[in-house]
Amino acid sequence: LMVDTAKKCQATEQDVELFCRGIQQICEDDEENNFLENVGDYLAEICFLACRHKVKLEAAFINAALACEIMEGIASSLYPTMEVQRIALPMVFKAELMHGLKGFKVPGLSS
């Protein structure tokens, strides 16, 4: 999705393939972890991959990732036992879809 929705992407087919492999590796490495605990690291890795492979990232993606990191930090300080990501991520994802990918439906998310 990052490559498909980016405007004026200067990446070659090989760059796109390498970028996608890098993203896949991040996802595989995170399978057993809580994504939001490491979102800053992942965001840095994604930005590095995008820069290296000339893939332009949408500002909405960066904004959503940073908003999640800030929200998690504030919430965990106020309510250490609350599982913010379980509650908030579906809402953030749905909002991003409504603003950026109109007509795209996600199974399990009602309108």
C-alpha atoms as a PDB file:
ATOM      1  CA  LEU A   1       0.000   0.000   0.000  1.00  0.00           C
ATOM      2  CA  MET A   2       2.814   2.437   0.762  1.00  0.00           C
ATOM      3  CA  VAL A   3       4.170   2.120  -2.763  1.00  0.00           C
ATOM      4  CA  ASP A   4       0.767   1.983  -4.468  1.00  0.00           C
ATOM      5  CA  THR A   5      -0.537   5.182  -2.870  1.00  0.00           C
ATOM      6  CA  ALA A   6       2.663   7.246  -3.022  1.00  0.00           C
ATOM      7  CA  LYS A   7       2.587  10.115  -5.503  1.00  0.00           C
ATOM      8  CA  LYS A   8       5.533  10.634  -7.840  1.00  0.00           C
ATOM      9  CA  CYS A   9       7.422   7.563  -6.682  1.00  0.00           C
ATOM     10  CA  GLN A  10      10.863   7.475  -8.351  1.00  0.00           C
ATOM     11  CA  ALA A  11      11.560   3.867  -7.433  1.00  0.00           C
ATOM     12  CA  THR A  12      12.453   1.289 -10.039  1.00  0.00           C
ATOM     13  CA  GLU A  13      10.819  -2.143  -9.993  1.00  0.00           C
ATOM     14  CA  GLN A  14      13.913  -3.491  -8.222  1.00  0.00           C
ATOM     15  CA  ASP A  15      13.739  -0.692  -5.629  1.00  0.00           C
ATOM     16  CA  VAL A  16      10.084  -1.484  -4.968  1.00  0.00           C
ATOM     17  CA  GLU A  17      10.891  -5.184  -4.567  1.00  0.00           C
ATOM     18  CA  LEU A  18      13.724  -4.468  -2.124  1.00  0.00           C
ATOM     19  CA  PHE A  19      11.566  -2.003  -0.178  1.00  0.00           C
ATOM     20  CA  CYS A  20       8.782  -4.595   0.090  1.00  0.00           C
ATOM     21  CA  ARG A  21      11.258  -7.246   1.263  1.00  0.00           C
ATOM     22  CA  GLY A  22      12.501  -4.850   3.931  1.00  0.00           C
ATOM     23  CA  ILE A  23       8.949  -4.183   5.133  1.00  0.00           C
ATOM     24  CA  GLN A  24       8.244  -7.922   5.115  1.00  0.00           C
ATOM     25  CA  GLN A  25      11.358  -8.511   7.238  1.00  0.00           C
ATOM     26  CA  ILE A  26      10.212  -5.887   9.768  1.00  0.00           C
ATOM     27  CA  CYS A  27       6.822  -7.627  10.002  1.00  0.00           C
ATOM     28  CA  GLU A  28       8.384 -11.076  10.398  1.00  0.00           C
ATOM     29  CA  ASP A  29      10.799  -9.831  13.053  1.00  0.00           C
ATOM     30  CA  ASP A  30       7.891  -8.295  14.983  1.00  0.00           C
ATOM     31  CA  GLU A  31       5.561 -11.322  14.907  1.00  0.00           C
ATOM     32  CA  GLU A  32       6.094 -12.133  18.571  1.00  0.00           C
ATOM     33  CA  ASN A  33       6.337  -8.533  19.844  1.00  0.00           C
ATOM     34  CA  ASN A  34       3.985  -5.681  20.601  1.00  0.00           C
ATOM     35  CA  PHE A  35       4.367  -3.405  17.583  1.00  0.00           C
ATOM     36  CA  LEU A  36       3.726  -0.184  19.476  1.00  0.00           C
ATOM     37  CA  GLU A  37       6.525  -0.867  21.940  1.00  0.00           C
ATOM     38  CA  ASN A  38       8.977  -0.548  19.054  1.00  0.00           C
ATOM     39  CA  VAL A  39       7.130   1.740  16.648  1.00  0.00           C
ATOM     40  CA  GLY A  40       9.862   4.394  16.802  1.00  0.00           C
ATOM     41  CA  ASP A  41      12.470   1.852  15.697  1.00  0.00           C
ATOM     42  CA  TYR A  42      10.220   0.521  12.953  1.00  0.00           C
ATOM     43  CA  LEU A  43       9.401   4.007  11.728  1.00  0.00           C
ATOM     44  CA  ALA A  44      13.119   4.769  11.486  1.00  0.00           C
ATOM     45  CA  GLU A  45      13.692   1.503   9.566  1.00  0.00           C
ATOM     46  CA  ILE A  46      10.797   2.233   7.201  1.00  0.00           C
ATOM     47  CA  CYS A  47      12.067   5.761   6.541  1.00  0.00           C
ATOM     48  CA  PHE A  48      15.579   4.381   5.902  1.00  0.00           C
ATOM     49  CA  LEU A  49      14.174   1.809   3.460  1.00  0.00           C
ATOM     50  CA  ALA A  50      12.084   4.460   1.708  1.00  0.00           C
ATOM     51  CA  CYS A  51      15.055   6.792   1.341  1.00  0.00           C
ATOM     52  CA  ARG A  52      17.390   4.053   0.168  1.00  0.00           C
ATOM     53  CA  HIS A  53      14.934   2.693  -2.397  1.00  0.00           C
ATOM     54  CA  LYS A  54      13.433   6.041  -3.491  1.00  0.00           C
ATOM     55  CA  VAL A  55       9.935   5.171  -2.264  1.00  0.00           C
ATOM     56  CA  LYS A  56       8.019   8.282  -1.287  1.00  0.00           C
ATOM     57  CA  LEU A  57       6.037   7.732   1.898  1.00  0.00           C
ATOM     58  CA  GLU A  58       2.648   9.342   2.344  1.00  0.00           C
ATOM     59  CA  ALA A  59       2.582  11.970   5.072  1.00  0.00           C
ATOM     60  CA  ALA A  60      -0.584  10.340   6.438  1.00  0.00           C
ATOM     61  CA  PHE A  61       1.372   7.164   7.194  1.00  0.00           C
ATOM     62  CA  ILE A  62       4.071   9.029   9.094  1.00  0.00           C
ATOM     63  CA  ASN A  63       1.476  11.111  10.942  1.00  0.00           C
ATOM     64  CA  ALA A  64      -0.510   8.024  11.957  1.00  0.00           C
ATOM     65  CA  ALA A  65       2.601   6.201  13.182  1.00  0.00           C
ATOM     66  CA  LEU A  66       3.779   9.167  15.231  1.00  0.00           C
ATOM     67  CA  ALA A  67       0.274   9.738  16.626  1.00  0.00           C
ATOM     68  CA  CYS A  68       0.128   6.100  17.747  1.00  0.00           C
ATOM     69  CA  GLU A  69       3.509   6.378  19.448  1.00  0.00           C
ATOM     70  CA  ILE A  70       2.538   9.567  21.279  1.00  0.00           C
ATOM     71  CA  MET A  71      -0.861   8.183  22.251  1.00  0.00           C
ATOM     72  CA  GLU A  72       0.668   4.976  23.586  1.00  0.00           C
ATOM     73  CA  GLY A  73       3.233   6.891  25.628  1.00  0.00           C
ATOM     74  CA  ILE A  74       0.674   9.178  27.216  1.00  0.00           C
ATOM     75  CA  ALA A  75      -1.824   6.395  27.876  1.00  0.00           C
ATOM     76  CA  SER A  76       0.748   4.035  29.365  1.00  0.00           C
ATOM     77  CA  SER A  77       1.913   6.800  31.704  1.00  0.00           C
ATOM     78  CA  LEU A  78      -1.636   7.488  32.867  1.00  0.00           C
ATOM     79  CA  TYR A  79      -2.985   3.924  32.810  1.00  0.00           C
ATOM     80  CA  PRO A  80      -0.166   1.341  32.800  1.00  0.00           C
ATOM     81  CA  THR A  81      -2.535  -1.659  32.559  1.00  0.00           C
ATOM     82  CA  MET A  82      -4.656  -0.322  29.690  1.00  0.00           C
ATOM     83  CA  GLU A  83      -4.209  -1.962  26.274  1.00  0.00           C
ATOM     84  CA  VAL A  84      -4.441   1.150  24.126  1.00  0.00           C
ATOM     85  CA  GLN A  85      -3.283  -0.462  20.902  1.00  0.00           C
ATOM     86  CA  ARG A  86      -6.008  -3.119  21.049  1.00  0.00           C
ATOM     87  CA  ILE A  87      -8.661  -0.411  21.292  1.00  0.00           C
ATOM     88  CA  ALA A  88      -7.174   2.407  19.226  1.00  0.00           C
ATOM     89  CA  LEU A  89      -5.441   0.772  16.288  1.00  0.00           C
ATOM     90  CA  PRO A  90      -8.638  -0.400  14.568  1.00  0.00           C
ATOM     91  CA  MET A  91     -10.029   3.135  14.878  1.00  0.00           C
ATOM     92  CA  VAL A  92      -6.854   4.746  13.524  1.00  0.00           C
ATOM     93  CA  PHE A  93      -6.707   2.244  10.674  1.00  0.00           C
ATOM     94  CA  LYS A  94     -10.361   2.820   9.796  1.00  0.00           C
ATOM     95  CA  ALA A  95      -9.873   6.600   9.824  1.00  0.00           C
ATOM     96  CA  GLU A  96      -6.848   6.349   7.546  1.00  0.00           C
ATOM     97  CA  LEU A  97      -8.785   4.151   5.147  1.00  0.00           C
ATOM     98  CA  MET A  98     -11.699   6.565   5.057  1.00  0.00           C
ATOM     99  CA  HIS A  99      -9.405   9.516   4.314  1.00  0.00           C
ATOM    100  CA  GLY A 100      -6.923   7.891   1.982  1.00  0.00           C
ATOM    101  CA  LEU A 101      -8.387   4.789   0.391  1.00  0.00           C
ATOM    102  CA  LYS A 102     -12.074   5.424  -0.192  1.00  0.00           C
ATOM    103  CA  GLY A 103     -13.954   2.297  -1.182  1.00  0.00           C
ATOM    104  CA  PHE A 104     -11.414  -0.069   0.397  1.00  0.00           C
ATOM    105  CA  LYS A 105     -13.181  -2.380   2.864  1.00  0.00           C
ATOM    106  CA  VAL A 106     -11.506  -4.185   5.735  1.00  0.00           C
ATOM    107  CA  PRO A 107     -13.183  -7.391   6.904  1.00  0.00           C
ATOM    108  CA  GLY A 108     -14.338  -7.092  10.512  1.00  0.00           C
ATOM    109  CA  LEU A 109     -14.518  -3.296  10.573  1.00  0.00           C
ATOM    110  CA  SER A 110     -18.062  -1.999  10.359  1.00  0.00           C
ATOM    111  CA  SER A 111     -18.785   1.391   8.829  1.00  0.00           C
END
